[in-house]
Amino acid sequence: MTTTISKNSNLLTFINIFNMQPAHQQEVADGLKEVTVHIVSRQPGFVSASLHKSHDGTRVIMYAQWRSREDQEAAYEAMRGNPESKAILDKIMAVTSYQLGTFDVVETF
């Protein structure tokens, strides 16, 4: 599904920023892609996600849209409860610091 950013969408937006040493950037991006494709995107309420890598190699950003907070929370629990995705996430958390946030789109230009 394509990400559409609109202030009139009534979707919940999550922007998660993962900070790491450049040597780990591809590993983090690959892990997030794996978990999103095989677990997260199949959960009820998932709308879209976009994965971004910084040019300097120090950040990976995930922009995700959900229909509701409850859907996102249920997906997170499913992801943490799956042994394969939990192993990937544990590896990611070991090499990153991260900021998780929920946002509303105020305006698009």
C-alpha atoms as a PDB file:
ATOM      1  CA  MET A   1       0.000   0.000   0.000  1.00  0.00           C
ATOM      2  CA  THR A   2       1.163   3.522  -0.715  1.00  0.00           C
ATOM      3  CA  THR A   3       1.651   6.026   2.079  1.00  0.00           C
ATOM      4  CA  THR A   4      -0.576   9.063   1.688  1.00  0.00           C
ATOM      5  CA  ILE A   5       0.089  11.943   4.054  1.00  0.00           C
ATOM      6  CA  SER A   6      -2.948  14.122   4.611  1.00  0.00           C
ATOM      7  CA  LYS A   7      -4.146  16.217   7.528  1.00  0.00           C
ATOM      8  CA  ASN A   8      -7.693  14.989   6.802  1.00  0.00           C
ATOM      9  CA  SER A   9      -6.982  11.256   6.962  1.00  0.00           C
ATOM     10  CA  ASN A  10      -7.846  10.504  10.627  1.00  0.00           C
ATOM     11  CA  LEU A  11      -4.969   8.031  10.703  1.00  0.00           C
ATOM     12  CA  LEU A  12      -2.546   7.599  13.563  1.00  0.00           C
ATOM     13  CA  THR A  13       1.052   8.313  12.528  1.00  0.00           C
ATOM     14  CA  PHE A  14       4.069   6.769  14.226  1.00  0.00           C
ATOM     15  CA  ILE A  15       7.541   8.101  13.530  1.00  0.00           C
ATOM     16  CA  ASN A  16      10.255   5.941  15.052  1.00  0.00           C
ATOM     17  CA  ILE A  17      13.871   7.091  14.899  1.00  0.00           C
ATOM     18  CA  PHE A  18      16.644   4.543  15.417  1.00  0.00           C
ATOM     19  CA  ASN A  19      20.166   5.911  16.006  1.00  0.00           C
ATOM     20  CA  MET A  20      23.184   3.686  15.441  1.00  0.00           C
ATOM     21  CA  GLN A  21      26.784   3.488  14.324  1.00  0.00           C
ATOM     22  CA  PRO A  22      26.997   3.451  10.505  1.00  0.00           C
ATOM     23  CA  ALA A  23      28.251  -0.146  10.531  1.00  0.00           C
ATOM     24  CA  HIS A  24      24.810  -1.262  11.811  1.00  0.00           C
ATOM     25  CA  GLN A  25      22.528   0.797   9.576  1.00  0.00           C
ATOM     26  CA  GLN A  26      21.876  -1.843   6.918  1.00  0.00           C
ATOM     27  CA  GLU A  27      21.347  -4.543   9.545  1.00  0.00           C
ATOM     28  CA  VAL A  28      18.760  -2.365  11.309  1.00  0.00           C
ATOM     29  CA  ALA A  29      16.994  -1.456   8.051  1.00  0.00           C
ATOM     30  CA  ASP A  30      16.911  -5.108   6.959  1.00  0.00           C
ATOM     31  CA  GLY A  31      15.540  -6.222  10.328  1.00  0.00           C
ATOM     32  CA  LEU A  32      12.797  -3.602  10.358  1.00  0.00           C
ATOM     33  CA  LYS A  33      11.878  -4.502   6.792  1.00  0.00           C
ATOM     34  CA  GLU A  34      11.674  -8.209   7.661  1.00  0.00           C
ATOM     35  CA  VAL A  35       9.446  -7.666  10.685  1.00  0.00           C
ATOM     36  CA  THR A  36       7.221  -5.179   8.830  1.00  0.00           C
ATOM     37  CA  VAL A  37       6.727  -7.370   5.761  1.00  0.00           C
ATOM     38  CA  HIS A  38       6.104 -10.648   7.578  1.00  0.00           C
ATOM     39  CA  ILE A  39       4.331  -9.576  10.788  1.00  0.00           C
ATOM     40  CA  VAL A  40       3.328  -5.925  11.098  1.00  0.00           C
ATOM     41  CA  SER A  41       1.807  -5.353   7.650  1.00  0.00           C
ATOM     42  CA  ARG A  42      -0.492  -8.357   8.127  1.00  0.00           C
ATOM     43  CA  GLN A  43      -2.083  -7.013  11.299  1.00  0.00           C
ATOM     44  CA  PRO A  44      -5.595  -5.523  11.382  1.00  0.00           C
ATOM     45  CA  GLY A  45      -5.566  -1.748  11.150  1.00  0.00           C
ATOM     46  CA  PHE A  46      -2.203  -1.476   9.377  1.00  0.00           C
ATOM     47  CA  VAL A  47      -2.347   1.165   6.647  1.00  0.00           C
ATOM     48  CA  SER A  48       1.229   1.735   5.456  1.00  0.00           C
ATOM     49  CA  ALA A  49       4.852   2.110   6.449  1.00  0.00           C
ATOM     50  CA  SER A  50       7.884   3.796   4.925  1.00  0.00           C
ATOM     51  CA  LEU A  51      11.454   3.001   5.872  1.00  0.00           C
ATOM     52  CA  HIS A  52      14.196   5.635   5.526  1.00  0.00           C
ATOM     53  CA  LYS A  53      17.998   5.508   5.897  1.00  0.00           C
ATOM     54  CA  SER A  54      20.043   8.654   6.542  1.00  0.00           C
ATOM     55  CA  HIS A  55      22.878   9.402   4.141  1.00  0.00           C
ATOM     56  CA  ASP A  56      25.402   9.553   6.984  1.00  0.00           C
ATOM     57  CA  GLY A  57      24.527   6.009   8.115  1.00  0.00           C
ATOM     58  CA  THR A  58      23.563   6.970  11.669  1.00  0.00           C
ATOM     59  CA  ARG A  59      19.760   6.768  11.529  1.00  0.00           C
ATOM     60  CA  VAL A  60      16.905   4.640  10.278  1.00  0.00           C
ATOM     61  CA  ILE A  61      13.428   6.129  10.432  1.00  0.00           C
ATOM     62  CA  MET A  62      10.148   4.238  10.181  1.00  0.00           C
ATOM     63  CA  TYR A  63       7.041   6.233   9.292  1.00  0.00           C
ATOM     64  CA  ALA A  64       3.930   4.094   9.877  1.00  0.00           C
ATOM     65  CA  GLN A  65       0.205   4.728   9.657  1.00  0.00           C
ATOM     66  CA  TRP A  66      -2.485   2.867  11.609  1.00  0.00           C
ATOM     67  CA  ARG A  67      -6.250   3.134  11.768  1.00  0.00           C
ATOM     68  CA  SER A  68      -6.181   3.300  15.586  1.00  0.00           C
ATOM     69  CA  ARG A  69      -3.902   3.141  18.623  1.00  0.00           C
ATOM     70  CA  GLU A  70      -5.556  -0.149  19.622  1.00  0.00           C
ATOM     71  CA  ASP A  71      -4.662  -1.709  16.265  1.00  0.00           C
ATOM     72  CA  GLN A  72      -1.068  -0.536  16.582  1.00  0.00           C
ATOM     73  CA  GLU A  73      -0.767  -1.814  20.153  1.00  0.00           C
ATOM     74  CA  ALA A  74      -2.196  -5.220  19.175  1.00  0.00           C
ATOM     75  CA  ALA A  75       0.289  -5.416  16.283  1.00  0.00           C
ATOM     76  CA  TYR A  76       3.167  -4.556  18.628  1.00  0.00           C
ATOM     77  CA  GLU A  77       2.102  -7.349  20.991  1.00  0.00           C
ATOM     78  CA  ALA A  78       1.863  -9.793  18.075  1.00  0.00           C
ATOM     79  CA  MET A  79       5.320  -8.745  16.913  1.00  0.00           C
ATOM     80  CA  ARG A  80       6.857  -9.137  20.403  1.00  0.00           C
ATOM     81  CA  GLY A  81       5.057 -12.477  20.842  1.00  0.00           C
ATOM     82  CA  ASN A  82       6.455 -13.946  17.639  1.00  0.00           C
ATOM     83  CA  PRO A  83       9.822 -15.642  18.381  1.00  0.00           C
ATOM     84  CA  GLU A  84      11.320 -14.751  14.971  1.00  0.00           C
ATOM     85  CA  SER A  85      10.391 -11.069  15.069  1.00  0.00           C
ATOM     86  CA  LYS A  86      11.326 -10.812  18.764  1.00  0.00           C
ATOM     87  CA  ALA A  87      14.823 -12.104  17.941  1.00  0.00           C
ATOM     88  CA  ILE A  88      15.194  -9.518  15.162  1.00  0.00           C
ATOM     89  CA  LEU A  89      13.910  -6.697  17.381  1.00  0.00           C
ATOM     90  CA  ASP A  90      16.219  -7.708  20.217  1.00  0.00           C
ATOM     91  CA  LYS A  91      19.189  -7.456  17.818  1.00  0.00           C
ATOM     92  CA  ILE A  92      18.026  -4.028  16.648  1.00  0.00           C
ATOM     93  CA  MET A  93      17.581  -2.763  20.203  1.00  0.00           C
ATOM     94  CA  ALA A  94      21.079  -3.987  21.114  1.00  0.00           C
ATOM     95  CA  VAL A  95      22.747  -1.726  18.513  1.00  0.00           C
ATOM     96  CA  THR A  96      20.453   1.329  18.542  1.00  0.00           C
ATOM     97  CA  SER A  97      19.051   4.016  20.727  1.00  0.00           C
ATOM     98  CA  TYR A  98      15.615   5.007  19.629  1.00  0.00           C
ATOM     99  CA  GLN A  99      12.831   7.548  19.913  1.00  0.00           C
ATOM    100  CA  LEU A 100       9.247   6.477  19.384  1.00  0.00           C
ATOM    101  CA  GLY A 101       6.499   8.993  18.774  1.00  0.00           C
ATOM    102  CA  THR A 102       2.864   9.329  17.792  1.00  0.00           C
ATOM    103  CA  PHE A 103       1.897  12.308  15.673  1.00  0.00           C
ATOM    104  CA  ASP A 104      -0.970  14.023  13.896  1.00  0.00           C
ATOM    105  CA  VAL A 105      -0.426  15.537  10.465  1.00  0.00           C
ATOM    106  CA  VAL A 106      -0.907  19.279  10.866  1.00  0.00           C
ATOM    107  CA  GLU A 107      -0.367  20.376   7.271  1.00  0.00           C
ATOM    108  CA  THR A 108       1.048  19.210   3.973  1.00  0.00           C
ATOM    109  CA  PHE A 109       2.657  21.470   1.380  1.00  0.00           C
END
